[in-house]
Structure formats: C-alpha cells, structure tokens
Amino acid sequence: MIYFIGAGPGAADLITVRGQKLLEKADVVIWAGSLVNEELLENCSGCAEIYNSAQMTLEEVLEVMKKAEKSGKTTVRLHTGDPCLYGAIREQMDELDKLGIKYESVPGVSSFCGAAASLNLEYTLPNVSQSVIITRLSGRTGVPEKESLRSLAEHNSTLVLFLSSGMTEKVQSELLEAGLSPQTPAALVYKATWADEKKVLCTVGSLAESAKANGISKTALIIVGDVVSHSDYERSKLYDPTFTTEFRKAKNEN
C-alpha cells in the first residue's frame, strides 16, 4: 500500500495523528525534502528506507514505489501541507492505477491554514469576503488564461497565492491592473508555523517593496484582501442573540 500523507505546513507537530502513525510504521518513506520539516523523519522506524523526492524524477519515485510494493512493504509518500494543493499527486496516482497498486490519501494542514493561524486571520468575514481564491501567478509553469491572476482579482474575493513570492513585482502589477486599490491590505507569510517563520503586513501597493526589504523570495504565501485588516465586518448571525437557529430560539421569541 502507498500512503500519500500531508505533512502539514511546517511545524513537526502539525501532522495529523493518522499521518504520524502511518509514518511510524512505514518501511519506505519518500519525502519532499525541499519543503517538509526534516524533524518529521524522527517519527520513522530506524529500519525505514528514506528517499528525498527533491532529488528525484517522477519515474524514479515510481520505481521506488514499485520495488517496495513487490517486496510487500508499506510506503509513505510525504508531501508538504495538504497534498491536494500543488502536490503533483494525480500523476503519481494515475501511474499506480496502471500498475494495479493500491494507494490512499491522508489529508494534512495546508500552509494557507497555517498562515491564517499565524496571523490570527479569518478568511471569511461577514460583509467583507465570503470566498477564498487559492491560486498562483503564471510563471515557468503556466496557468489557464481564464484563471489569470488579473481576472481572478477582479472578483474582490480573498486571494491566497502559492508559488508566487519570487515574483512579487509582477503580482503587484497584476493586482493593480485588475483594479485593486494600492491600499488594499496584504500579507506575506514566510514558512508559516516553522521556527523561522516571518510575517509581514503590507498593502498591494507596497507588496514588492515589502518582500524585498524582508528578504522574502520563496517559501512564502501572499494573502490579499480586506480580511487581512480584521476591520469593518458584521457580527456573525450564528451567535447573534436575535437570530434563531435549529438549536436555539432568538432571545426575543417566546
């Protein structure tokens, strides 16, 4: 069996209980060494075979999986955050399907959740933003034209940008050309939940300058939207004493 496991955003204790238990009993571990906290390998058995996928191609990863499966071993494929976001897992799964090898996914805490926790941020504030767009800027790997940053920014929803902190000047330009005000709140979160995490609050107009001033050019999320400022939002109806729910009546109702 192959287990695709989300390692969490960075801190070693943010892997799920299920993920940690599987990691402890794995015979073979293929981990994303450029992004996953190496402390997680301390959960591995001393007899486990460890492979760093940062130095491997897809074909090499699959070869290790095939060899392990043939030997009746349990393999953990350890991805950063939650593998469903920019994890390149589907291409692995399709090949495993062709080989008739069973696999299972174990979700993890995404870095976009870790970044929100670091900022004490709620992405969905009543009357401010009820939608979160997770995307990235087109770079060496393109994005569909209909999903260009400029077109998505026009929705004025909360934006969370992965894989874009090395292109902040272009990000800033695209956001401004989409019509966002230069004063729109923004944040850069470098290595969310890691020991060397760095948080920078800024605006769309100062995004590139802020990234440069703080030496941020990779391994960071960019968050854009009025939710970053925690202001001018309405109180939630869920806990409003004048609002009736399935579980309680409004205070002014008999």
Foldseek 3Di string as FASTA:
>chain_A
DEEEFECALEPNVQGDPVRLVLQLQFQEEEEQVVGYHPVSNVSYDPNHHYHHCVPPDLVVVVVVVVVCVVVVTYYYYYYYAFCVPPNPCVVSVVVCVVVVHDYYYHGGHHVVNLVCVVLVFDQDFAPWAHDEAEEEAADPHGDPPCVHLLNVLLVQGKYKYAPHLQPLVVNLVSNVVSPDDQAWKKKKWASRPHPPIDIDIDGSVCRVVRCVVVVHRHRIMMITGNRSVVDDGDDDLVPALQHDDPVDHRPPDD
